[in-house]
Amino acid sequence: MSQTVFNHTEASKVEAFLRQRLNPELKVQMRQRPDECAEIYLGAECLGVVSKNVDEGETSYSFEITILDIDLDDL
């Protein structure tokens, strides 16, 4: 599986998809340098990253969220 640069057009489409499916407040922010991923924000908090994957001509996007154990302490 290869990864290629995630562009602004794709970021807009992924943002629209995530807003429709998960939360209308989610935002996709491109990183300052060309990269295979962008960051997903809810307000000022970065929830994770979305990565672009290209395999045998098929393109997919993976959303990875990281939850720190200290974030769970108050629950």
N, C-alpha and C. Protein backbone atom coordinates (compact mmCIF):
# COMPACT_ATOMS: atom_id res chain seq x y z
N MET A 1 0.85 -1.17 0.00
CA MET A 1 0.00 0.00 0.00
C MET A 1 0.90 1.23 0.00
N SER A 2 0.66 2.15 -0.89
CA SER A 2 1.46 3.37 -0.94
C SER A 2 0.64 4.55 -0.43
N GLN A 3 1.34 5.56 0.02
CA GLN A 3 0.68 6.77 0.48
C GLN A 3 1.14 7.93 -0.38
N THR A 4 0.23 8.82 -0.70
CA THR A 4 0.57 9.98 -1.50
C THR A 4 0.10 11.24 -0.78
N VAL A 5 0.47 12.37 -1.29
CA VAL A 5 0.16 13.64 -0.65
C VAL A 5 -1.35 13.88 -0.60
N PHE A 6 -1.80 14.27 0.56
CA PHE A 6 -3.20 14.63 0.83
C PHE A 6 -3.37 16.08 0.43
N ASN A 7 -4.31 16.40 -0.47
CA ASN A 7 -4.43 17.78 -0.96
C ASN A 7 -5.67 18.48 -0.40
N HIS A 8 -5.78 19.78 -0.67
CA HIS A 8 -6.87 20.60 -0.13
C HIS A 8 -8.25 20.16 -0.62
N THR A 9 -8.34 19.74 -1.86
CA THR A 9 -9.63 19.27 -2.39
C THR A 9 -10.10 18.04 -1.63
N GLU A 10 -9.18 17.10 -1.41
CA GLU A 10 -9.53 15.90 -0.65
C GLU A 10 -9.89 16.25 0.78
N ALA A 11 -9.16 17.18 1.38
CA ALA A 11 -9.44 17.59 2.75
C ALA A 11 -10.86 18.14 2.87
N SER A 12 -11.28 18.93 1.91
CA SER A 12 -12.64 19.49 1.93
C SER A 12 -13.69 18.39 1.83
N LYS A 13 -13.46 17.42 0.98
CA LYS A 13 -14.41 16.32 0.82
C LYS A 13 -14.46 15.45 2.07
N VAL A 14 -13.30 15.14 2.64
CA VAL A 14 -13.26 14.33 3.86
C VAL A 14 -13.94 15.09 5.00
N GLU A 15 -13.69 16.40 5.09
CA GLU A 15 -14.33 17.21 6.13
C GLU A 15 -15.85 17.16 6.00
N ALA A 16 -16.36 17.31 4.79
CA ALA A 16 -17.81 17.26 4.58
C ALA A 16 -18.37 15.89 4.99
N PHE A 17 -17.65 14.83 4.66
CA PHE A 17 -18.08 13.48 5.02
C PHE A 17 -18.12 13.32 6.54
N LEU A 18 -17.04 13.72 7.22
CA LEU A 18 -16.97 13.58 8.67
C LEU A 18 -18.02 14.44 9.37
N ARG A 19 -18.26 15.63 8.86
CA ARG A 19 -19.28 16.50 9.46
C ARG A 19 -20.66 15.89 9.32
N GLN A 20 -20.93 15.29 8.17
CA GLN A 20 -22.24 14.68 7.93
C GLN A 20 -22.43 13.43 8.79
N ARG A 21 -21.39 12.63 8.91
CA ARG A 21 -21.51 11.35 9.60
C ARG A 21 -21.27 11.41 11.11
N LEU A 22 -20.38 12.31 11.56
CA LEU A 22 -19.97 12.29 12.97
C LEU A 22 -20.36 13.53 13.76
N ASN A 23 -19.93 14.70 13.27
CA ASN A 23 -20.17 15.92 14.03
C ASN A 23 -20.00 17.12 13.10
N PRO A 24 -20.99 18.00 13.03
CA PRO A 24 -20.90 19.14 12.12
C PRO A 24 -19.83 20.16 12.50
N GLU A 25 -19.24 20.02 13.68
CA GLU A 25 -18.20 20.95 14.13
C GLU A 25 -16.78 20.49 13.79
N LEU A 26 -16.62 19.28 13.25
CA LEU A 26 -15.28 18.78 12.93
C LEU A 26 -14.64 19.59 11.80
N LYS A 27 -13.34 19.78 11.90
CA LYS A 27 -12.59 20.49 10.87
C LYS A 27 -11.36 19.68 10.48
N VAL A 28 -11.06 19.69 9.20
CA VAL A 28 -9.84 19.06 8.69
C VAL A 28 -8.84 20.18 8.41
N GLN A 29 -7.67 20.08 9.01
CA GLN A 29 -6.63 21.08 8.79
C GLN A 29 -5.41 20.42 8.16
N MET A 30 -4.98 21.01 7.07
CA MET A 30 -3.78 20.53 6.42
C MET A 30 -2.57 20.88 7.27
N ARG A 31 -1.56 20.05 7.20
CA ARG A 31 -0.30 20.36 7.87
C ARG A 31 0.46 21.38 7.02
N GLN A 32 1.44 22.06 7.62
CA GLN A 32 2.15 23.11 6.89
C GLN A 32 3.02 22.55 5.77
N ARG A 33 3.53 21.36 5.92
CA ARG A 33 4.34 20.76 4.85
C ARG A 33 3.50 19.71 4.14
N PRO A 34 3.77 19.49 2.86
CA PRO A 34 3.03 18.43 2.15
C PRO A 34 3.20 17.09 2.88
N ASP A 35 2.11 16.41 3.06
CA ASP A 35 2.12 15.19 3.85
C ASP A 35 1.04 14.25 3.33
N GLU A 36 1.07 13.02 3.80
CA GLU A 36 0.05 12.05 3.42
C GLU A 36 -1.16 12.11 4.35
N CYS A 37 -1.14 13.04 5.31
CA CYS A 37 -2.27 13.12 6.23
C CYS A 37 -2.58 14.57 6.60
N ALA A 38 -3.75 14.74 7.22
CA ALA A 38 -4.20 16.03 7.73
C ALA A 38 -4.72 15.78 9.15
N GLU A 39 -4.87 16.84 9.91
CA GLU A 39 -5.32 16.72 11.30
C GLU A 39 -6.82 17.01 11.39
N ILE A 40 -7.48 16.29 12.31
CA ILE A 40 -8.91 16.46 12.55
C ILE A 40 -9.08 17.18 13.88
N TYR A 41 -9.82 18.29 13.86
CA TYR A 41 -10.04 19.09 15.06
C TYR A 41 -11.51 19.18 15.41
N LEU A 42 -11.76 19.22 16.70
CA LEU A 42 -13.07 19.57 17.24
C LEU A 42 -12.80 20.76 18.16
N GLY A 43 -13.18 21.95 17.71
CA GLY A 43 -12.79 23.17 18.41
C GLY A 43 -11.28 23.31 18.31
N ALA A 44 -10.63 23.56 19.44
CA ALA A 44 -9.18 23.73 19.46
C ALA A 44 -8.44 22.42 19.70
N GLU A 45 -9.18 21.34 19.93
CA GLU A 45 -8.56 20.06 20.27
C GLU A 45 -8.34 19.19 19.03
N CYS A 46 -7.11 18.75 18.86
CA CYS A 46 -6.80 17.82 17.77
C CYS A 46 -7.20 16.43 18.22
N LEU A 47 -8.13 15.82 17.49
CA LEU A 47 -8.61 14.47 17.83
C LEU A 47 -7.76 13.38 17.23
N GLY A 48 -7.17 13.65 16.07
CA GLY A 48 -6.40 12.63 15.39
C GLY A 48 -6.02 13.08 14.00
N VAL A 49 -5.71 12.10 13.16
CA VAL A 49 -5.30 12.39 11.80
C VAL A 49 -6.09 11.54 10.82
N VAL A 50 -6.21 12.05 9.61
CA VAL A 50 -6.79 11.29 8.51
C VAL A 50 -5.68 11.12 7.48
N SER A 51 -5.48 9.89 7.05
CA SER A 51 -4.41 9.58 6.10
C SER A 51 -4.99 9.09 4.78
N LYS A 52 -4.28 9.41 3.72
CA LYS A 52 -4.66 8.96 2.39
C LYS A 52 -3.83 7.72 2.05
N ASN A 53 -4.51 6.69 1.56
CA ASN A 53 -3.86 5.45 1.17
C ASN A 53 -4.27 5.10 -0.25
N VAL A 54 -3.29 4.77 -1.09
CA VAL A 54 -3.57 4.34 -2.46
C VAL A 54 -2.99 2.94 -2.62
N ASP A 55 -3.84 2.00 -3.02
CA ASP A 55 -3.42 0.62 -3.20
C ASP A 55 -4.08 0.07 -4.46
N GLU A 56 -3.27 -0.33 -5.41
CA GLU A 56 -3.75 -0.90 -6.67
C GLU A 56 -4.79 -0.01 -7.35
N GLY A 57 -4.55 1.29 -7.32
CA GLY A 57 -5.43 2.23 -7.98
C GLY A 57 -6.64 2.65 -7.17
N GLU A 58 -6.85 2.04 -6.03
CA GLU A 58 -7.97 2.38 -5.15
C GLU A 58 -7.48 3.34 -4.06
N THR A 59 -8.23 4.42 -3.83
CA THR A 59 -7.87 5.38 -2.80
C THR A 59 -8.83 5.25 -1.63
N SER A 60 -8.26 5.25 -0.44
CA SER A 60 -9.07 5.23 0.78
C SER A 60 -8.47 6.22 1.78
N TYR A 61 -9.25 6.55 2.79
CA TYR A 61 -8.82 7.49 3.82
C TYR A 61 -9.06 6.84 5.18
N SER A 62 -8.07 6.88 6.05
CA SER A 62 -8.16 6.28 7.37
C SER A 62 -8.13 7.37 8.42
N PHE A 63 -9.09 7.34 9.33
CA PHE A 63 -9.16 8.29 10.44
C PHE A 63 -8.65 7.59 11.68
N GLU A 64 -7.57 8.10 12.25
CA GLU A 64 -6.98 7.52 13.45
C GLU A 64 -7.09 8.51 14.60
N ILE A 65 -7.73 8.07 15.67
CA ILE A 65 -7.88 8.91 16.85
C ILE A 65 -7.04 8.32 17.98
N THR A 66 -6.33 9.19 18.69
CA THR A 66 -5.51 8.76 19.80
C THR A 66 -6.15 9.24 21.10
N ILE A 67 -6.33 8.32 22.04
CA ILE A 67 -6.90 8.66 23.34
C ILE A 67 -5.83 8.36 24.39
N LEU A 68 -5.39 9.40 25.08
CA LEU A 68 -4.39 9.23 26.12
C LEU A 68 -5.05 8.74 27.41
N ASP A 69 -4.34 7.93 28.17
CA ASP A 69 -4.90 7.40 29.41
C ASP A 69 -5.24 8.52 30.39
N ILE A 70 -4.49 9.62 30.37
CA ILE A 70 -4.80 10.72 31.28
C ILE A 70 -6.11 11.40 30.92
N ASP A 71 -6.52 11.30 29.66
CA ASP A 71 -7.81 11.86 29.24
C ASP A 71 -8.98 11.07 29.81
N LEU A 72 -8.73 9.85 30.21
CA LEU A 72 -9.78 8.99 30.73
C LEU A 72 -9.93 9.09 32.26
N ASP A 73 -8.98 9.74 32.90
CA ASP A 73 -8.97 9.80 34.38
C ASP A 73 -10.21 10.45 34.97
N ASP A 74 -10.76 11.46 34.31
CA ASP A 74 -11.91 12.19 34.86
C ASP A 74 -13.25 11.57 34.50
N LEU A 75 -13.23 10.46 33.81
CA LEU A 75 -14.51 9.83 33.39
C LEU A 75 -14.99 8.82 34.40
